[in-house]
Structure formats: structure tokens, C-alpha cells
Protein backbone atom coordinates (compact mmCIF):
# COMPACT_ATOMS: atom_id res chain seq x y z
CA MET A 1 -22.09 -26.64 -53.54
CA GLY A 2 -18.50 -27.83 -53.64
CA VAL A 3 -19.03 -30.22 -50.73
CA ALA A 4 -22.12 -31.72 -52.36
CA PHE A 5 -20.28 -32.10 -55.67
CA ALA A 6 -17.30 -33.78 -53.98
CA GLY A 7 -19.51 -36.24 -52.10
CA ILE A 8 -21.71 -37.21 -55.02
CA VAL A 9 -19.22 -37.32 -57.88
CA ARG A 10 -16.24 -38.32 -55.66
CA VAL A 11 -13.86 -35.69 -57.05
CA PRO A 12 -12.83 -33.49 -54.10
CA LEU A 13 -10.07 -31.59 -55.89
CA THR A 14 -12.22 -30.84 -58.93
CA SER A 15 -14.77 -29.02 -56.83
CA VAL A 16 -11.98 -26.99 -55.17
CA ILE A 17 -10.81 -25.78 -58.57
CA MET A 18 -14.36 -25.04 -59.70
CA ILE A 19 -15.25 -23.01 -56.61
CA PHE A 20 -12.00 -21.04 -56.78
CA GLU A 21 -12.60 -20.23 -60.45
CA MET A 22 -16.05 -18.94 -59.53
CA THR A 23 -15.11 -16.95 -56.42
CA ARG A 24 -11.44 -16.02 -57.00
CA ASP A 25 -11.09 -16.21 -53.23
CA TYR A 26 -8.02 -17.95 -51.76
CA SER A 27 -9.42 -17.91 -48.23
CA ILE A 28 -12.11 -20.44 -49.13
CA ILE A 29 -9.66 -23.12 -50.35
CA VAL A 30 -8.56 -24.58 -47.00
CA PRO A 31 -12.04 -24.89 -45.41
CA LEU A 32 -13.36 -26.21 -48.72
CA MET A 33 -10.66 -28.89 -48.84
CA ILE A 34 -11.44 -29.99 -45.29
CA SER A 35 -15.16 -30.10 -46.02
CA ASN A 36 -14.59 -31.99 -49.27
CA LEU A 37 -12.48 -34.65 -47.54
CA ILE A 38 -15.12 -35.14 -44.86
CA SER A 39 -17.84 -35.36 -47.50
CA PHE A 40 -15.78 -37.79 -49.59
CA TYR A 41 -15.07 -40.00 -46.58
CA ILE A 42 -18.69 -40.13 -45.40
CA SER A 43 -20.09 -40.79 -48.88
CA TYR A 44 -17.53 -43.54 -49.51
CA ARG A 45 -18.38 -45.30 -46.27
CA LEU A 46 -22.11 -45.10 -46.95
CA GLN A 47 -21.89 -46.09 -50.63
CA PRO A 48 -18.58 -47.41 -52.02
CA GLU A 49 -19.82 -47.28 -55.62
CA PRO A 50 -19.72 -43.76 -57.19
CA ILE A 51 -22.81 -42.50 -58.94
CA TYR A 52 -21.31 -42.53 -62.43
CA GLU A 53 -20.25 -46.18 -62.08
CA ALA A 54 -23.73 -47.08 -60.84
CA LEU A 55 -25.29 -45.34 -63.84
CA GLN A 56 -23.02 -47.08 -66.33
CA HIS A 57 -23.83 -50.45 -64.75
CA GLN A 58 -27.53 -49.69 -65.18
CA ASP A 59 -26.83 -49.09 -68.89
CA GLY A 60 -24.98 -52.41 -69.16
CA ILE A 61 -21.53 -50.82 -69.49
CA HIS A 62 -18.77 -52.57 -67.55
CA LEU A 63 -15.41 -50.85 -67.83
CA PRO A 64 -12.15 -52.46 -66.58
CA SER A 65 -11.94 -52.33 -62.81
CA GLY A 66 -9.59 -49.86 -61.20
CA ALA A 67 -7.30 -50.19 -58.22
CA ARG A 68 -10.18 -49.71 -55.77
CA ASP A 69 -12.03 -52.75 -57.09
CA ARG A 70 -8.88 -54.86 -57.22
CA GLN A 71 -8.23 -54.31 -53.52
CA GLY A 72 -10.73 -57.01 -52.65
CA MET A 73 -9.29 -59.58 -55.06
CA PRO A 74 -7.62 -62.65 -53.52
CA LEU A 75 -3.86 -62.57 -53.52
CA VAL A 76 -1.33 -65.34 -54.00
CA ARG A 77 -0.78 -65.51 -50.24
CA THR A 78 -4.34 -66.81 -49.79
CA ALA A 79 -3.44 -69.95 -51.78
CA LEU A 80 0.15 -70.28 -50.55
CA THR A 81 1.18 -73.72 -49.29
CA PRO A 82 4.52 -74.95 -47.91
CA ALA A 83 6.91 -76.48 -50.42
CA GLY A 84 7.41 -79.66 -48.43
CA ASN A 85 8.21 -81.82 -51.46
CA ALA A 86 10.94 -79.59 -52.91
CA ALA A 87 13.61 -81.56 -54.77
CA SER A 88 17.33 -81.30 -54.28
CA GLY A 89 19.48 -79.99 -57.09
CA SER A 90 21.79 -82.98 -56.68
CA GLY A 91 18.99 -85.48 -57.36
CA THR A 92 18.80 -87.28 -60.69
CA LEU A 93 16.19 -86.77 -63.36
CA GLU A 94 15.06 -90.39 -63.17
CA ASP A 95 14.25 -90.09 -59.47
CA ALA A 96 12.46 -86.77 -59.90
CA VAL A 97 10.22 -87.94 -62.73
CA LYS A 98 8.76 -90.63 -60.46
CA SER A 99 7.55 -88.06 -57.93
CA LEU A 100 5.46 -86.04 -60.42
CA ASP A 101 2.17 -86.65 -62.15
CA GLU A 102 -0.41 -84.73 -64.16
CA GLU A 103 -2.02 -83.32 -61.01
CA ARG A 104 1.25 -81.79 -59.88
CA ASN A 105 3.45 -81.47 -62.95
CA ALA A 106 6.27 -79.37 -61.48
CA VAL A 107 8.43 -79.23 -58.39
CA PRO A 108 10.80 -76.56 -57.01
CA VAL A 109 14.49 -77.44 -56.99
CA MET A 110 16.68 -76.24 -54.13
CA GLY A 111 20.43 -75.79 -54.11
CA GLU A 112 23.12 -74.40 -51.85
CA GLN A 113 22.33 -70.82 -52.90
CA GLY A 114 18.59 -71.28 -52.53
CA LEU A 115 15.89 -71.87 -55.10
CA LEU A 116 17.27 -72.90 -58.47
CA GLY A 117 13.95 -72.95 -60.31
CA MET A 118 11.04 -75.18 -61.22
CA VAL A 119 11.39 -78.40 -63.16
CA SER A 120 8.34 -79.70 -65.01
CA LEU A 121 7.23 -83.24 -65.75
CA ALA A 122 7.43 -82.65 -69.51
CA GLN A 123 10.95 -81.33 -69.16
CA LEU A 124 12.05 -84.35 -67.17
CA GLN A 125 10.43 -86.83 -69.54
CA LYS A 126 12.11 -85.17 -72.51
CA HIS A 127 15.60 -85.44 -70.99
CA VAL A 128 15.04 -89.01 -69.78
CA ALA A 129 13.86 -90.04 -73.25
CA GLU A 130 17.07 -88.57 -74.68
CA GLY A 131 19.13 -90.77 -72.37
CA HIS A 132 20.05 -88.12 -69.81
CA GLY A 133 18.32 -89.69 -66.85
CA ASN A 134 21.53 -89.67 -64.79
CA TRP A 135 21.86 -85.89 -65.03
CA THR A 136 21.21 -83.85 -61.90
CA LEU A 137 18.28 -81.47 -61.67
CA ALA A 138 20.58 -78.49 -61.19
CA GLU A 139 22.22 -79.08 -64.57
CA ILE A 140 19.02 -78.45 -66.55
CA LEU A 141 17.99 -75.25 -64.73
CA PRO A 142 19.12 -71.68 -65.47
CA GLY A 143 19.71 -71.14 -61.76
CA TYR A 144 22.54 -73.69 -61.66
CA ASP A 145 25.07 -70.85 -61.74
CA SER A 146 24.38 -68.17 -59.12
CA SER A 147 25.59 -65.53 -61.59
CA ASP A 148 22.85 -66.37 -64.09
CA SER A 149 20.35 -63.60 -64.75
CA LEU A 150 16.98 -64.76 -63.49
CA THR A 151 13.96 -63.55 -65.48
CA VAL A 152 10.30 -64.50 -65.62
CA GLU A 153 10.97 -66.36 -68.88
CA ASN A 154 13.67 -68.69 -67.54
CA PHE A 155 12.58 -68.58 -63.90
CA PRO A 156 8.76 -68.56 -63.64
CA HIS A 157 7.74 -67.42 -60.18
CA MET A 158 5.16 -65.42 -58.22
CA HIS A 159 5.17 -63.05 -55.27
CA ALA A 160 2.82 -63.33 -52.32
CA ASP A 161 1.27 -59.89 -52.89
CA GLN A 162 0.33 -60.50 -56.53
CA PRO A 163 -3.28 -61.27 -57.52
CA LEU A 164 -4.31 -64.87 -58.10
CA ASP A 165 -5.45 -64.18 -61.65
CA ALA A 166 -1.84 -63.32 -62.51
CA ALA A 167 -0.81 -66.76 -61.21
CA LEU A 168 -3.39 -68.42 -63.47
CA ARG A 169 -2.09 -66.52 -66.51
CA ARG A 170 1.48 -67.50 -65.72
CA MET A 171 0.51 -71.15 -65.26
CA ALA A 172 -1.12 -71.11 -68.68
CA GLN A 173 1.93 -69.42 -70.19
CA PHE A 174 4.41 -72.02 -68.92
CA LYS A 175 2.07 -75.05 -68.92
CA LEU A 176 2.58 -75.56 -65.18
CA ASN A 177 0.04 -76.15 -62.44
CA VAL A 178 2.51 -75.31 -59.65
CA LEU A 179 4.55 -72.11 -59.30
CA PRO A 180 7.10 -71.08 -56.66
CA VAL A 181 6.33 -68.07 -54.47
CA VAL A 182 9.52 -66.14 -53.74
CA SER A 183 10.55 -63.06 -51.80
CA ARG A 184 10.68 -59.74 -53.61
CA THR A 185 14.06 -58.93 -52.09
CA ASN A 186 15.60 -62.31 -52.95
CA LEU A 187 14.29 -64.40 -55.83
CA ARG A 188 16.08 -67.47 -54.50
CA GLU A 189 14.24 -67.35 -51.16
CA LEU A 190 11.37 -69.82 -51.48
CA LEU A 191 8.32 -68.89 -49.39
CA GLY A 192 6.12 -71.72 -50.65
CA VAL A 193 4.23 -72.77 -53.75
CA VAL A 194 0.89 -71.90 -55.31
CA SER A 195 -0.91 -74.70 -57.12
CA LEU A 196 -3.91 -74.86 -59.41
CA SER A 197 -5.90 -76.79 -56.81
CA GLY A 198 -5.02 -74.18 -54.19
CA ILE A 199 -6.22 -71.37 -56.47
CA LEU A 200 -9.51 -73.16 -57.13
CA ARG A 201 -9.95 -73.65 -53.41
CA ALA A 202 -9.23 -69.96 -52.74
CA TYR A 203 -11.91 -68.99 -55.28
CA GLY A 204 -14.36 -71.45 -53.72
CA VAL A 205 -14.62 -73.57 -56.89
CA THR A 206 -13.56 -76.82 -55.23
CA ASP A 207 -13.57 -78.27 -51.73
CA VAL A 208 -10.17 -79.94 -52.05
CA GLU A 209 -8.63 -80.12 -48.60
CA GLU A 210 -5.19 -78.58 -48.64
CA ALA A 211 -2.97 -77.37 -45.83
CA VAL A 212 -3.25 -73.65 -46.42
CA PRO A 213 -1.77 -71.35 -43.78
CA GLU A 214 -3.83 -68.42 -42.59
CA PRO A 215 -1.92 -65.38 -43.84
CA ALA A 216 -2.65 -61.84 -42.83
CA ARG A 217 -5.18 -60.55 -45.31
CA PRO A 218 -4.80 -57.02 -46.61
CA VAL A 219 -7.11 -54.42 -45.11
CA THR A 220 -9.43 -53.18 -47.82
CA ARG A 221 -11.23 -50.47 -45.84
CA HIS A 222 -9.86 -47.23 -44.53
CA SER A 223 -8.89 -47.23 -40.88
CA GLY A 224 -10.11 -44.69 -38.40
CA ALA A 225 -6.86 -42.71 -38.75
CA PHE A 226 -7.33 -42.23 -42.48
CA LEU A 227 -9.34 -38.99 -42.35
CA PRO A 228 -7.27 -37.11 -39.72
CA GLY A 229 -4.03 -38.00 -41.46
CA LEU A 230 -5.35 -36.94 -44.86
CA ILE A 231 -6.63 -33.63 -43.48
CA ALA A 232 -3.27 -32.92 -41.83
CA ALA A 233 -1.38 -33.62 -45.05
CA THR A 234 -3.77 -31.43 -47.05
CA LEU A 235 -3.47 -28.51 -44.61
CA GLY A 236 0.32 -28.72 -44.75
CA ARG A 237 0.28 -28.69 -48.51
CA CYS A 238 -2.14 -25.72 -48.62
CA TYR A 239 -0.04 -23.74 -46.14
CA TRP A 240 3.05 -24.24 -48.28
CA TRP A 241 1.13 -23.28 -51.41
CA VAL A 242 -0.41 -20.08 -49.99
CA SER A 243 2.83 -18.96 -48.32
């Protein structure tokens, strides 16, 4: 009964607690856990969607997706392109404004310590109109001083393992159609850029040809070593609990 419950409802630990409450027998816990894990694994491979989710979809109820559903979502790395047109922090605003347009309204700025930030077309036009066209790009960015505290607000960026929908929200927040992709261990290490056209191409909305590298995609299914490893960990935990 516990194995059938674990496989159908996809709650292996719940059935362990239920059977123990009914039998009051400790000796059944370990074999029940092993059987539940096998049942859970087989049922998941045969039908990834649990029965309760299937029933709620039949009733027209669509709850927010959990981590399991988000595993198949495209990540920023799928739309990552090299930042070949990165600007130098010593370049002037007048020169930089000529290299941007509405299709690509931002460019990463590099300095001696790495990435200084992103400069937008609107930002450049504003400073040039105020008569500051001879300023350098580094002077108008918060990353000019390496001791500056870099935050998402003053240093919009993305990481390669973040979902693409987060990149779209951040583009809308900062009115940019290009964002830098940086390392998690070093925000000034530029890995590339993600653009609006690259995101649309990753979603299959447009056929715009863009040099997109082929990154290693995350594995969304359990490997063959998943079940043995999980059983071993469960047995170790049960042995510690019983002893």
C-alpha cells in the first residue's frame, strides 16, 4: 500500500510515516523506504507529471511552476554571445555614441580591473547634449573606482546559469536590450553578453543569425546513478536514526 501510494502521489516519505503510524513497526521502515524510492523512480520515468497536477490541469487550474518544471527552461548561456565590440574605459563619449543604435543600445566598458559596467545610448546622448562629449566612458560608470560597491541597481548584469526570463525582466527594468554576463565569483570578469535578439532566437521567435556558441546544456533527467546513490544515502540515514 505504501509503495503504491508513493508511486501514484509522488510522496515517498509521507507513505513511510503513514505505514509506521498504522503498524508501529520499526523493522518495516528501511524496506519500505527502498521500495518507495524504486516506485517513485519508475513512476517518474514513465510519467513525469504527478496525478494531482494532471487533475488540476483538467480542471483548468494552472499553479506557478516549481523547480522541476523550471529545469527545462532555457538559461542565459543558451543566448550568450562574445562581447567582441566591448568599449574601452579610456574612450570618449562622442566616439562611443557613434557605435550604438536602437537595435543595440548598450555596450560593455572594460578597464584595467575588468568590466566597469554597461553604458547605454540614452546615457551617452544625455552627457553629450550637456557638453561632456570629451569625458571618458570610465568617468560616468560606478565601476570607475575598483573599491565601489557593485549592485544590480548600479551594475546591471546576468549570470550564465540564470533563466532567460530573468534577463528579459532586467532588460525591461533598465531599458537595455544588451546585458553583460559575468562570473559569479568575480563580477568584473566578462563572459559575454546576452541581447534581446539572442533571447528571441533562443526561444525560437526569430531566425536572426547570430554567432551563438554551443554551451553545455544542463541535464534535466536523472542519470543512471541517481537511484543507487539515493538508496545508499537513505539507508545510511535510517541506520543512524534507528541506532
